[in-house]
């Protein structure tokens, strides 16, 4: 832009279009992918579908890109699991990997099953080498992984790599060929705990399930009879393997700086699993500039005004209260205010068309475009939501504040105002200090129980349609301390939207 044309009047459509279509991420991933090719460092961020496509184009550089893109898009698999699980011996990584595979309906990739693949020359070569030297060369291992990931089940249902990569060389080679996990989980525990676990380990040769003589002995006699002790699990052999693991892992971890989660495995296996599952189902936060456009929905008395004020204070958002906007337009004696005033005088609802003109005028102002906004008091029904959306004012975070009917009645019907001082009181939470003040307190007619019930019924009559319209909305229990409610709202703004695919 030409600096001499300040102030720049940026239309609200520009940032909304950029966010909706992930323009920043697209530019970012282009540079990240080029960096990956030049420096053999993967971008690592979880990307929207077309960004993934751009990334694959830059990595593979097909001679004919059109069929390549058609094939990639036809897979429709950009949200399948792509997980690496690492950890020292006896950390439980294989068990966690197997449970994740079952829960996510994905494919477990281990050194053993990669070498056991049928009708594969690479697998035969790897098996022969392993039988002779007890190792598989890194280049051969990476080729095995590449071959396996081309199978239809891995394309459709994703994959979980158990204990691979084992070295930094393998990590760099995996990245170089374009295999990029979305989540890397590293299990950790004290060496003394791991040694104790390892010496008691037993394996079912039929199912490959792992058991333990102390912590997890199977109750079925037929399983007990067929359990075998794995090779190389003595205390000395385990200590040597732990030393080798610690030397390697510190050089592997820097390869996955943004997608790494370390979980203590010195706790019940079920707890480790659920922590790993929770992480595997999260979206990584984008580095894209984010302008919050927050919509708070809830019945009268749910605390929308307070939460909006807290958000505006902490994050500099513009607090847009629809009711206050209409009153401000009347007070300013603007053209729109002249249209609104007769409805106020007759205590009638202001038509949606007039409300939207006032609202649009405010949301297009420079501070709303640059800082973002938090809107409450509109929309109240599905038609208003459609109108707001059609004018391009799309909220990127929507919260429904739920409060039980009895709590709303308690909050509102006990409010009082001192006509002498203007001080506001609540007969339960903030009672007047003297009997004299209490005797002169007045109740606002809108806080009468009949009026509150009427507004509550009206909101909940429309809330189901609004929740269906805002499919990614977050529902919050607002019947608790307001600062606790604020923490939940704040978490929903600064974190990625919940993933509902898995």
Protein backbone atom coordinates (compact mmCIF):
# COMPACT_ATOMS: atom_id res chain seq x y z
CA UNK A 1 0.00 0.00 0.00
CA UNK A 2 1.05 3.58 -0.59
CA UNK A 3 2.05 5.08 2.74
CA UNK A 4 0.93 8.53 1.59
CA UNK A 5 -2.68 7.39 1.56
CA UNK A 6 -2.96 6.93 5.34
CA UNK A 7 -5.24 6.16 7.01
CA UNK A 8 -5.75 2.89 5.15
CA UNK A 9 -9.42 1.99 5.13
CA UNK A 10 -9.32 -1.79 4.97
CA UNK A 11 -12.70 -3.26 4.07
CA UNK A 12 -13.80 -5.96 6.54
CA UNK A 13 -14.13 -8.40 3.66
CA UNK A 14 -10.34 -8.53 3.27
CA UNK A 15 -9.34 -10.02 6.65
CA UNK A 16 -12.45 -12.22 6.65
CA UNK A 17 -11.57 -13.60 3.22
CA UNK A 18 -7.96 -14.13 4.27
CA UNK A 19 -8.95 -16.04 7.40
CA UNK A 20 -11.73 -18.04 5.75
CA UNK A 21 -9.47 -19.19 2.93
CA UNK A 22 -6.27 -19.52 5.02
CA UNK A 23 -4.31 -17.21 2.74
CA UNK A 24 -1.63 -16.55 5.37
CA UNK A 25 -1.11 -20.25 6.04
CA UNK A 26 -0.90 -20.91 2.30
CA UNK A 27 1.89 -18.36 1.95
CA UNK A 28 3.54 -19.65 5.12
CA UNK A 29 3.50 -23.28 4.07
CA UNK A 30 4.97 -22.39 0.69
CA UNK A 31 8.02 -20.96 2.41
CA UNK A 32 8.10 -23.75 4.97
CA UNK A 33 7.98 -26.44 2.31
CA UNK A 34 10.77 -24.78 0.33
CA UNK A 35 12.78 -24.62 3.53
CA UNK A 36 12.02 -28.31 4.08
CA UNK A 37 13.50 -29.17 0.70
CA UNK A 38 16.54 -26.95 1.08
CA UNK A 39 17.37 -27.72 4.71
CA UNK A 40 15.62 -31.05 5.13
CA UNK A 41 13.46 -29.70 7.94
CA UNK A 42 9.74 -30.41 7.82
CA UNK A 43 7.21 -27.67 8.48
CA UNK A 44 5.35 -29.95 10.86
CA UNK A 45 2.18 -27.91 11.21
CA UNK A 46 -1.15 -29.51 10.57
CA UNK A 47 -2.50 -27.87 7.43
CA UNK A 48 -5.84 -27.46 5.71
CA UNK A 49 -6.49 -29.64 2.73
CA UNK A 50 -5.27 -27.42 -0.07
CA UNK A 51 -2.19 -26.40 1.92
CA UNK A 52 -1.35 -30.08 2.25
CA UNK A 53 -1.75 -30.32 -1.51
CA UNK A 54 0.61 -27.40 -2.09
CA UNK A 55 3.11 -28.94 0.29
CA UNK A 56 3.02 -32.30 -1.53
CA UNK A 57 3.46 -30.57 -4.89
CA UNK A 58 6.59 -28.81 -3.68
CA UNK A 59 8.02 -31.98 -2.12
CA UNK A 60 7.31 -34.43 -4.96
CA UNK A 61 7.48 -31.99 -7.91
CA UNK A 62 5.54 -34.28 -10.28
CA UNK A 63 6.24 -33.78 -13.97
CA UNK A 64 2.50 -33.65 -14.64
CA UNK A 65 0.97 -31.86 -11.62
CA UNK A 66 -2.68 -32.01 -12.71
CA UNK A 67 -3.15 -35.81 -12.33
CA UNK A 68 -1.12 -35.62 -9.12
CA UNK A 69 -3.50 -33.00 -7.66
CA UNK A 70 -6.60 -34.89 -8.81
CA UNK A 71 -5.34 -38.07 -7.16
CA UNK A 72 -4.45 -36.22 -3.95
CA UNK A 73 -7.84 -34.52 -3.68
CA UNK A 74 -9.72 -37.72 -4.48
CA UNK A 75 -8.14 -39.40 -1.44
CA UNK A 76 -9.94 -37.01 0.92
CA UNK A 77 -7.65 -38.14 3.74
CA UNK A 78 -6.13 -34.94 5.11
CA UNK A 79 -7.64 -35.54 8.55
CA UNK A 80 -6.57 -39.16 9.07
CA UNK A 81 -4.14 -39.92 11.92
CA UNK A 82 -0.45 -39.49 11.17
CA UNK A 83 1.22 -40.17 14.49
CA UNK A 84 4.71 -41.07 15.72
CA UNK A 85 5.07 -42.63 19.18
CA UNK A 86 8.52 -42.72 20.73
CA UNK A 87 9.80 -43.78 24.11
CA UNK A 88 12.45 -45.80 25.94
CA UNK A 89 12.20 -49.58 26.45
CA UNK A 90 9.31 -50.59 28.74
CA UNK A 91 7.67 -47.14 28.52
CA UNK A 92 4.53 -48.75 27.10
CA UNK A 93 4.70 -47.12 23.68
CA UNK A 94 3.63 -50.28 21.82
CA UNK A 95 0.61 -50.74 24.07
CA UNK A 96 -0.42 -47.10 23.66
CA UNK A 97 0.15 -47.32 19.91
CA UNK A 98 -2.05 -50.43 19.67
CA UNK A 99 -4.84 -48.83 21.72
CA UNK A 100 -4.71 -45.68 19.61
CA UNK A 101 -4.92 -47.78 16.45
CA UNK A 102 -8.02 -49.56 17.71
CA UNK A 103 -9.68 -46.35 18.88
CA UNK A 104 -8.85 -44.33 15.76
CA UNK A 105 -9.32 -47.26 13.36
CA UNK A 106 -5.85 -46.66 11.98
CA UNK A 107 -2.82 -48.79 11.01
CA UNK A 108 0.04 -49.69 13.33
CA UNK A 109 3.47 -49.66 11.68
CA UNK A 110 6.28 -51.40 13.55
CA UNK A 111 9.67 -52.69 12.50
CA UNK A 112 8.30 -56.24 12.77
CA UNK A 113 5.19 -55.86 10.62
CA UNK A 114 7.02 -53.75 8.04
CA UNK A 115 9.52 -56.58 7.53
CA UNK A 116 6.71 -59.17 7.50
CA UNK A 117 4.86 -57.57 4.59
CA UNK A 118 3.99 -60.16 1.95
CA UNK A 119 5.03 -59.95 -1.70
CA UNK A 120 7.56 -57.19 -1.00
CA UNK A 121 11.15 -57.40 -2.17
CA UNK A 122 12.08 -54.61 0.22
CA UNK A 123 10.57 -56.52 3.16
CA UNK A 124 12.47 -59.68 2.18
CA UNK A 125 15.71 -57.72 1.92
CA UNK A 126 15.10 -56.08 5.30
CA UNK A 127 14.28 -59.42 6.94
CA UNK A 128 17.42 -61.07 5.55
CA UNK A 129 19.55 -58.18 6.76
CA UNK A 130 17.91 -58.23 10.20
CA UNK A 131 18.42 -61.99 10.60
CA UNK A 132 22.12 -61.57 9.88
CA UNK A 133 22.92 -58.32 11.69
CA UNK A 134 19.91 -57.68 14.01
CA UNK A 135 19.52 -54.22 12.42
CA UNK A 136 17.93 -52.71 9.33
CA UNK A 137 19.78 -49.95 7.44
CA UNK A 138 18.06 -46.58 7.77
CA UNK A 139 17.61 -46.12 4.01
CA UNK A 140 16.00 -49.55 3.71
CA UNK A 141 13.73 -48.85 6.68
CA UNK A 142 12.57 -45.54 5.23
CA UNK A 143 11.92 -47.23 1.86
CA UNK A 144 9.82 -49.84 3.69
CA UNK A 145 7.78 -47.10 5.34
CA UNK A 146 7.28 -45.32 2.01
CA UNK A 147 6.10 -48.55 0.40
CA UNK A 148 3.67 -49.28 3.25
CA UNK A 149 2.18 -45.79 3.26
CA UNK A 150 1.21 -46.19 -0.40
CA UNK A 151 -1.17 -49.03 0.52
CA UNK A 152 -4.86 -48.19 0.35
CA UNK A 153 -5.56 -48.81 4.04
CA UNK A 154 -2.85 -46.33 5.12
CA UNK A 155 -4.13 -43.75 2.64
CA UNK A 156 -7.72 -44.06 3.86
CA UNK A 157 -7.19 -44.62 7.60
CA UNK A 158 -3.80 -43.10 8.36
CA UNK A 159 -0.94 -44.60 10.32
CA UNK A 160 0.86 -44.75 13.66
CA UNK A 161 4.62 -45.35 13.70
CA UNK A 162 5.71 -47.26 16.80
CA UNK A 163 9.29 -46.47 17.89
CA UNK A 164 10.37 -45.05 14.52
CA UNK A 165 12.53 -43.01 13.98
CA UNK A 166 15.19 -44.35 16.32
CA UNK A 167 17.95 -41.93 15.28
CA UNK A 168 18.26 -38.39 13.98
CA UNK A 169 19.46 -39.80 10.66
CA UNK A 170 16.18 -41.69 10.29
CA UNK A 171 14.16 -38.63 11.33
CA UNK A 172 15.80 -36.47 8.66
CA UNK A 173 15.46 -39.14 6.00
CA UNK A 174 11.75 -39.58 6.81
CA UNK A 175 11.21 -35.83 6.52
CA UNK A 176 13.23 -35.57 3.33
CA UNK A 177 10.97 -38.05 1.49
CA UNK A 178 7.91 -36.04 2.54
CA UNK A 179 6.58 -38.24 5.37
CA UNK A 180 5.41 -35.72 7.97
CA UNK A 181 3.49 -36.75 11.09
CA UNK A 182 0.90 -34.42 12.53
CA UNK A 183 1.49 -35.52 16.12
CA UNK A 184 4.63 -36.85 17.83
CA UNK A 185 4.12 -38.40 21.26
CA UNK A 186 7.12 -39.15 23.48
CA UNK A 187 6.67 -41.27 26.61
CA UNK A 188 9.06 -40.78 29.52
CA UNK A 189 9.71 -42.39 32.92
CA UNK A 190 12.64 -42.77 35.36
CA UNK A 191 15.16 -45.42 34.34
CA UNK A 192 14.67 -47.36 37.58
CA UNK A 193 10.96 -47.72 36.83
CA UNK A 194 11.67 -48.78 33.24
CA UNK A 195 14.19 -51.45 34.28
CA UNK A 196 11.73 -52.90 36.80
CA UNK A 197 9.02 -52.99 34.15
CA UNK A 198 11.20 -54.54 31.47
CA UNK A 199 12.46 -57.54 33.40
CA UNK A 200 8.85 -58.65 34.05
CA UNK A 201 7.64 -58.21 30.49
CA UNK A 202 5.97 -61.14 28.68
CA UNK A 203 4.50 -61.28 25.14
CA UNK A 204 1.60 -63.25 23.72
CA UNK A 205 3.02 -64.66 20.44
CA UNK A 206 -0.47 -64.95 18.94
CA UNK A 207 -1.80 -61.42 19.51
CA UNK A 208 1.47 -59.57 20.24
CA UNK A 209 -0.22 -58.19 23.38
CA UNK A 210 2.26 -57.30 26.12
CA UNK A 211 1.75 -58.44 29.71
CA UNK A 212 3.72 -58.14 32.97
CA UNK A 213 4.39 -60.62 35.74
CA UNK A 214 3.61 -58.00 38.40
CA UNK A 215 1.43 -55.28 36.93
CA UNK A 216 -0.65 -56.91 34.19
CA UNK A 217 -0.88 -60.69 34.42
CA UNK A 218 -3.70 -62.17 32.27
CA UNK A 219 -6.41 -64.09 34.17
CA UNK A 220 -6.96 -66.68 31.40
CA UNK A 221 -4.83 -69.82 31.93
CA UNK A 222 -4.53 -70.48 28.18
CA UNK A 223 -2.97 -67.04 27.67
CA UNK A 224 -0.65 -67.50 30.66
CA UNK A 225 0.61 -70.79 29.24
CA UNK A 226 1.63 -69.35 25.91
CA UNK A 227 3.35 -66.18 27.14
CA UNK A 228 7.04 -65.95 26.34
CA UNK A 229 9.91 -63.83 27.62
CA UNK A 230 11.29 -61.48 24.98
CA UNK A 231 14.99 -61.50 24.24
CA UNK A 232 17.28 -58.83 25.63
CA UNK A 233 15.26 -57.73 28.67
CA UNK A 234 17.73 -58.47 31.47
CA UNK A 235 18.63 -55.60 33.79
CA UNK A 236 22.05 -55.08 32.16
CA UNK A 237 20.69 -55.26 28.62
CA UNK A 238 17.87 -52.86 29.50
CA UNK A 239 20.32 -50.36 31.02
CA UNK A 240 22.44 -50.44 27.86
CA UNK A 241 19.38 -49.87 25.67
CA UNK A 242 18.28 -46.96 27.86
CA UNK A 243 21.70 -45.30 27.49
CA UNK A 244 21.49 -45.66 23.71
CA UNK A 245 17.92 -44.30 23.69
CA UNK A 246 18.87 -41.23 25.73
CA UNK A 247 21.77 -40.48 23.36
CA UNK A 248 19.46 -40.61 20.35
CA UNK A 249 16.26 -39.03 21.60
CA UNK A 250 17.85 -35.66 22.43
CA UNK A 251 18.89 -35.41 18.76
CA UNK A 252 15.51 -36.54 17.41
CA UNK A 253 13.26 -34.16 19.34
CA UNK A 254 14.50 -30.93 17.65
CA UNK A 255 13.15 -32.34 14.37
CA UNK A 256 9.57 -31.97 15.66
CA UNK A 257 9.50 -28.68 17.57
CA UNK A 258 5.85 -27.72 17.03
CA UNK A 259 4.07 -31.07 17.05
CA UNK A 260 5.68 -32.71 20.09
CA UNK A 261 3.96 -33.87 23.28
CA UNK A 262 5.90 -35.47 26.15
CA UNK A 263 3.74 -37.65 28.43
CA UNK A 264 4.88 -39.28 31.66
CA UNK A 265 4.33 -43.02 31.44
CA UNK A 266 4.96 -43.45 35.17
CA UNK A 267 1.21 -43.54 35.77
CA UNK A 268 -1.66 -45.94 35.01
CA UNK A 269 -1.67 -47.02 31.38
CA UNK A 270 -5.26 -45.85 30.88
CA UNK A 271 -4.31 -42.31 31.96
CA UNK A 272 -1.37 -42.30 29.53
CA UNK A 273 -3.66 -43.50 26.74
CA UNK A 274 -6.28 -40.80 27.26
CA UNK A 275 -3.64 -38.08 27.37
CA UNK A 276 -2.18 -39.43 24.11
CA UNK A 277 -5.64 -39.71 22.54
CA UNK A 278 -6.57 -36.17 23.56
CA UNK A 279 -3.39 -34.84 21.99
CA UNK A 280 -3.84 -36.91 18.82
CA UNK A 281 -7.29 -35.37 18.34
CA UNK A 282 -6.18 -31.76 18.71
CA UNK A 283 -5.50 -29.29 15.94
CA UNK A 284 -2.23 -27.40 16.07
CA UNK A 285 -2.64 -23.67 16.32
CA UNK A 286 -1.81 -21.73 13.20
CA UNK A 287 0.63 -18.83 13.23
CA UNK A 288 -1.75 -16.88 11.00
CA UNK A 289 -2.83 -13.43 12.22
CA UNK A 290 -6.14 -13.92 14.00
CA UNK A 291 -8.73 -11.18 14.44
CA UNK A 292 -11.36 -12.43 16.90
CA UNK A 293 -14.95 -11.89 15.86
CA UNK A 294 -16.79 -13.26 18.87
CA UNK A 295 -20.51 -13.84 19.23
CA UNK A 296 -22.02 -14.42 22.68
CA UNK A 297 -25.46 -16.01 22.76
CA UNK A 298 -27.48 -16.70 25.86
CA UNK A 299 -30.71 -15.89 27.67
CA UNK A 300 -31.25 -12.74 29.65
CA UNK A 301 -29.19 -12.91 32.85
CA UNK A 302 -26.59 -15.32 31.45
CA UNK A 303 -23.78 -12.78 31.85
CA UNK A 304 -23.18 -11.85 28.20
CA UNK A 305 -22.54 -8.19 28.99
CA UNK A 306 -19.99 -8.96 31.71
CA UNK A 307 -18.13 -11.51 29.58
CA UNK A 308 -18.06 -9.11 26.64
CA UNK A 309 -16.63 -6.38 28.88
CA UNK A 310 -13.94 -8.75 30.19
CA UNK A 311 -12.95 -9.79 26.67
CA UNK A 312 -12.87 -6.18 25.50
CA UNK A 313 -10.72 -5.17 28.47
CA UNK A 314 -8.16 -7.99 28.17
CA UNK A 315 -7.85 -8.34 24.40
CA UNK A 316 -8.78 -4.86 23.18
CA UNK A 317 -11.84 -6.08 21.28
CA UNK A 318 -14.65 -3.67 20.48
CA UNK A 319 -17.61 -4.37 22.74
CA UNK A 320 -20.65 -4.27 20.45
CA UNK A 321 -23.94 -4.45 22.36
CA UNK A 322 -26.83 -4.31 19.93
CA UNK A 323 -29.21 -2.64 22.38
CA UNK A 324 -26.67 0.05 23.27
CA UNK A 325 -26.03 0.71 19.58
CA UNK A 326 -29.70 1.41 18.97
CA UNK A 327 -29.89 3.70 22.01
CA UNK A 328 -26.72 5.48 20.87
CA UNK A 329 -28.17 6.06 17.40
CA UNK A 330 -31.26 7.68 18.95
CA UNK A 331 -29.16 9.79 21.33
CA UNK A 332 -26.98 11.02 18.44
CA UNK A 333 -30.11 12.07 16.55
CA UNK A 334 -28.78 10.43 13.39
CA UNK A 335 -30.96 9.52 10.42
CA UNK A 336 -31.12 5.94 11.62
CA UNK A 337 -31.86 7.17 15.14
CA UNK A 338 -34.89 9.03 13.81
CA UNK A 339 -36.17 5.77 12.35
CA UNK A 340 -35.59 3.91 15.62
CA UNK A 341 -37.10 6.46 18.03
CA UNK A 342 -40.80 5.78 17.20
CA UNK A 343 -40.32 2.11 17.99
CA UNK A 344 -38.73 2.99 21.33
CA UNK A 345 -41.57 5.34 22.20
CA UNK A 346 -44.19 2.69 21.42
CA UNK A 347 -42.10 -0.03 23.13
CA UNK A 348 -42.11 -2.07 19.95
CA UNK A 349 -39.37 -4.29 18.50
CA UNK A 350 -37.08 -2.49 16.06
CA UNK A 351 -37.26 -4.13 12.59
CA UNK A 352 -34.33 -6.37 11.64
CA UNK A 353 -33.57 -4.26 8.58
CA UNK A 354 -32.93 -1.15 10.70
CA UNK A 355 -30.95 -3.08 13.31
CA UNK A 356 -28.70 -4.51 10.61
CA UNK A 357 -28.04 -1.08 9.13
CA UNK A 358 -26.87 0.21 12.52
CA UNK A 359 -24.89 -2.96 13.19
CA UNK A 360 -23.24 -3.02 9.77
CA UNK A 361 -22.26 0.61 10.12
CA UNK A 362 -20.50 -0.16 13.41
CA UNK A 363 -18.80 -3.41 12.40
CA UNK A 364 -17.29 -1.78 9.31
CA UNK A 365 -15.59 0.94 11.32
CA UNK A 366 -11.82 0.82 11.44
CA UNK A 367 -11.44 -0.24 15.08
CA UNK A 368 -13.70 -3.28 14.58
CA UNK A 369 -11.82 -4.35 11.46
CA UNK A 370 -8.40 -3.98 13.05
CA UNK A 371 -9.02 -5.07 16.64
CA UNK A 372 -11.91 -7.48 16.23
CA UNK A 373 -15.22 -7.39 18.07
CA UNK A 374 -17.41 -9.19 20.57
CA UNK A 375 -21.13 -8.97 19.73
CA UNK A 376 -24.05 -9.74 22.04
CA UNK A 377 -27.77 -9.07 21.91
CA UNK A 378 -28.02 -10.08 18.25
CA UNK A 379 -28.94 -12.38 16.54
CA UNK A 380 -31.85 -13.65 18.60
CA UNK A 381 -33.34 -16.06 16.05
CA UNK A 382 -32.42 -18.01 12.92
CA UNK A 383 -33.66 -15.34 10.47
CA UNK A 384 -31.47 -12.71 12.09
CA UNK A 385 -28.50 -15.08 12.00
CA UNK A 386 -28.99 -15.65 8.27
CA UNK A 387 -29.25 -11.91 7.65
CA UNK A 388 -26.10 -11.18 9.65
CA UNK A 389 -24.23 -13.90 7.80
CA UNK A 390 -25.44 -12.74 4.38
CA UNK A 391 -23.98 -9.29 5.01
CA UNK A 392 -20.52 -10.80 5.57
CA UNK A 393 -20.35 -10.37 9.34
CA UNK A 394 -19.25 -13.90 10.15
CA UNK A 395 -18.23 -14.66 13.71
CA UNK A 396 -15.22 -16.98 13.97
CA UNK A 397 -15.94 -17.88 17.60
CA UNK A 398 -19.48 -18.44 18.91
CA UNK A 399 -20.33 -19.24 22.53
CA UNK A 400 -23.67 -20.25 24.03
CA UNK A 401 -23.93 -19.39 27.72
CA UNK A 402 -26.33 -21.82 29.38
CA UNK A 403 -27.92 -20.96 32.71
CA UNK A 404 -30.80 -22.84 34.43
CA UNK A 405 -34.12 -21.05 34.67
CA UNK A 406 -34.05 -20.88 38.51
CA UNK A 407 -30.61 -19.29 38.49
CA UNK A 408 -31.70 -16.59 36.04
CA UNK A 409 -34.76 -15.83 38.16
CA UNK A 410 -32.52 -15.53 41.23
CA UNK A 411 -30.03 -13.31 39.41
CA UNK A 412 -32.54 -10.85 37.93
CA UNK A 413 -35.66 -10.65 40.08
CA UNK A 414 -33.66 -9.78 43.20
CA UNK A 415 -31.90 -6.80 41.59
CA UNK A 416 -32.76 -3.39 43.01
CA UNK A 417 -31.70 0.25 42.47
CA UNK A 418 -31.45 3.09 44.98
CA UNK A 419 -33.31 6.05 43.38
CA UNK A 420 -31.40 8.53 45.55
CA UNK A 421 -27.80 7.47 44.85
CA UNK A 422 -28.25 5.33 41.74
CA UNK A 423 -26.40 2.50 43.50
CA UNK A 424 -27.35 -1.00 42.39
CA UNK A 425 -27.93 -3.82 44.87
CA UNK A 426 -28.89 -7.48 44.90
CA UNK A 427 -30.98 -8.74 47.79
CA UNK A 428 -28.92 -11.96 48.03
CA UNK A 429 -25.42 -11.19 46.72
CA UNK A 430 -25.14 -7.46 47.56
CA UNK A 431 -27.78 -6.47 50.10
CA UNK A 432 -28.20 -2.81 51.10
CA UNK A 433 -26.21 -1.80 54.19
CA UNK A 434 -29.13 -0.25 56.11
CA UNK A 435 -32.88 -0.75 56.53
CA UNK A 436 -33.42 2.86 55.41
CA UNK A 437 -31.78 2.21 52.04
CA UNK A 438 -33.59 -1.10 51.67
CA UNK A 439 -36.97 0.57 52.18
CA UNK A 440 -36.50 2.92 49.21
CA UNK A 441 -35.08 0.42 46.72
CA UNK A 442 -36.93 0.00 43.43
CA UNK A 443 -37.12 -2.87 40.98
CA UNK A 444 -36.79 -2.24 37.27
CA UNK A 445 -40.02 -3.41 35.56
CA UNK A 446 -37.98 -5.53 33.13
CA UNK A 447 -36.68 -7.56 36.12
CA UNK A 448 -40.18 -8.64 37.11
CA UNK A 449 -40.53 -12.42 37.13
CA UNK A 450 -43.16 -12.43 34.36
CA UNK A 451 -40.93 -10.40 32.05
CA UNK A 452 -37.90 -12.60 32.76
CA UNK A 453 -39.92 -15.77 32.06
CA UNK A 454 -41.15 -14.31 28.80
CA UNK A 455 -37.63 -13.49 27.60
CA UNK A 456 -36.28 -16.87 28.70
CA UNK A 457 -39.02 -18.72 26.82
CA UNK A 458 -38.35 -16.63 23.72
CA UNK A 459 -34.62 -17.36 23.78
CA UNK A 460 -34.90 -21.11 24.30
CA UNK A 461 -37.60 -21.33 21.63
CA UNK A 462 -34.99 -20.14 19.12
CA UNK A 463 -31.78 -21.50 20.67
CA UNK A 464 -31.92 -24.94 18.99
CA UNK A 465 -32.05 -23.36 15.53
CA UNK A 466 -29.21 -20.98 16.40
CA UNK A 467 -27.03 -23.81 17.72
CA UNK A 468 -27.66 -25.78 14.53
CA UNK A 469 -26.77 -22.73 12.42
CA UNK A 470 -23.53 -22.12 14.33
CA UNK A 471 -22.31 -25.71 14.06
CA UNK A 472 -18.87 -24.96 15.57
CA UNK A 473 -20.24 -23.08 18.57
CA UNK A 474 -18.94 -23.89 22.04
CA UNK A 475 -21.50 -24.39 24.82
CA UNK A 476 -20.47 -23.22 28.29
CA UNK A 477 -22.08 -23.68 31.67
CA UNK A 478 -22.50 -20.05 32.74
CA UNK A 479 -24.02 -20.97 36.11
CA UNK A 480 -20.73 -20.56 37.95
CA UNK A 481 -18.28 -17.88 38.98
CA UNK A 482 -18.08 -15.31 36.13
CA UNK A 483 -14.29 -15.40 36.06
CA UNK A 484 -14.39 -19.18 35.66
CA UNK A 485 -16.79 -18.70 32.75
CA UNK A 486 -14.39 -16.14 31.30
CA UNK A 487 -11.51 -18.62 31.46
CA UNK A 488 -13.54 -21.11 29.43
CA UNK A 489 -14.42 -18.47 26.84
CA UNK A 490 -10.82 -17.27 26.72
CA UNK A 491 -9.59 -20.83 26.14
CA UNK A 492 -12.06 -21.22 23.29
CA UNK A 493 -10.74 -18.05 21.62
CA UNK A 494 -6.99 -18.61 21.89
CA UNK A 495 -7.11 -22.35 21.08
CA UNK A 496 -8.08 -23.98 17.78
CA UNK A 497 -11.68 -24.95 17.21
CA UNK A 498 -12.54 -28.44 18.51
CA UNK A 499 -12.19 -31.18 15.91
CA UNK A 500 -15.39 -33.17 15.40
CA UNK A 501 -14.12 -35.55 12.74
CA UNK A 502 -12.69 -38.30 14.94
